[in-house]
């Protein structure tokens, strides 16, 4: 499993475990701790995706900027 897929899997399992513990009435201390740590898990997942996931879009040409990939510049009528 690739690194970004591993991060997505771990973050999803973390969320599911938190939800199950919440629904089953786990202790407030445990739930508070998991809730407080959830931003760390989320930031790690986002970082892993941005850093290690392959980019499948086309490479920009000289002087070209990011924008709508599904539209031609002529169709936008703003340039």
Protein backbone atom coordinates (compact mmCIF):
# COMPACT_ATOMS: atom_id res chain seq x y z
CA UNK A 1 0.00 0.00 0.00
CA UNK A 2 1.34 3.41 -0.93
CA UNK A 3 2.08 6.01 1.70
CA UNK A 4 -0.84 8.31 0.89
CA UNK A 5 -3.26 5.37 0.77
CA UNK A 6 -1.99 4.26 4.18
CA UNK A 7 -2.68 7.75 5.59
CA UNK A 8 -6.23 7.73 4.20
CA UNK A 9 -6.87 4.27 5.65
CA UNK A 10 -5.56 5.18 9.10
CA UNK A 11 -7.54 8.44 9.21
CA UNK A 12 -10.72 6.65 8.16
CA UNK A 13 -10.27 3.93 10.77
CA UNK A 14 -9.59 6.62 13.39
CA UNK A 15 -12.86 8.36 12.50
CA UNK A 16 -14.85 5.12 12.53
CA UNK A 17 -13.39 4.10 15.92
CA UNK A 18 -14.18 7.54 17.35
CA UNK A 19 -17.75 7.37 16.05
CA UNK A 20 -18.29 3.87 17.41
CA UNK A 21 -16.90 4.83 20.81
CA UNK A 22 -19.12 7.91 20.88
CA UNK A 23 -22.22 5.89 20.03
CA UNK A 24 -21.46 3.21 22.61
CA UNK A 25 -21.02 5.74 25.41
CA UNK A 26 -17.28 5.61 26.03
CA UNK A 27 -15.73 7.78 28.71
CA UNK A 28 -15.66 11.52 28.18
CA UNK A 29 -11.91 11.63 28.78
CA UNK A 30 -11.22 9.11 26.01
CA UNK A 31 -13.56 10.85 23.58
CA UNK A 32 -12.08 14.26 24.39
CA UNK A 33 -8.57 12.97 23.85
CA UNK A 34 -9.44 11.40 20.51
CA UNK A 35 -11.27 14.56 19.46
CA UNK A 36 -8.31 16.74 20.46
CA UNK A 37 -5.91 14.55 18.45
CA UNK A 38 -8.10 14.41 15.35
CA UNK A 39 -6.64 17.59 13.76
CA UNK A 40 -3.19 16.00 13.93
CA UNK A 41 -4.48 12.93 12.09
CA UNK A 42 -6.21 15.11 9.50
CA UNK A 43 -3.16 17.32 8.87
CA UNK A 44 -0.95 14.22 8.55
CA UNK A 45 -3.37 12.73 6.01
CA UNK A 46 -3.53 15.93 3.95
CA UNK A 47 0.25 16.32 4.03
CA UNK A 48 0.74 12.71 2.93
CA UNK A 49 -1.68 13.12 0.04
CA UNK A 50 -0.13 16.37 -1.16
CA UNK A 51 3.42 15.12 -0.74
CA UNK A 52 3.27 11.53 -1.92
CA UNK A 53 0.22 11.06 -4.17
CA UNK A 54 1.02 11.14 -7.87
CA UNK A 55 -0.17 14.11 -9.89
CA UNK A 56 -2.21 12.94 -12.88
CA UNK A 57 -2.93 16.33 -14.45
CA UNK A 58 -1.13 17.67 -17.45
CA UNK A 59 2.05 19.74 -17.15
CA UNK A 60 1.58 23.48 -17.61
CA UNK A 61 3.15 25.21 -20.59
CA UNK A 62 5.32 28.33 -20.34
CA UNK A 63 3.25 31.29 -19.11
CA UNK A 64 0.22 29.12 -18.37
CA UNK A 65 -1.58 29.27 -15.03
CA UNK A 66 -3.75 26.82 -13.14
CA UNK A 67 -7.46 27.18 -13.74
CA UNK A 68 -10.34 25.19 -15.10
CA UNK A 69 -8.90 22.03 -16.62
CA UNK A 70 -12.23 21.08 -18.21
CA UNK A 71 -12.69 24.38 -20.08
CA UNK A 72 -10.82 26.03 -22.90
CA UNK A 73 -9.60 29.57 -22.29
CA UNK A 74 -11.60 30.82 -25.26
CA UNK A 75 -14.85 29.50 -23.76
CA UNK A 76 -14.41 31.43 -20.49
CA UNK A 77 -14.61 34.81 -22.31
CA UNK A 78 -12.63 36.57 -19.60
CA UNK A 79 -9.17 36.59 -21.17
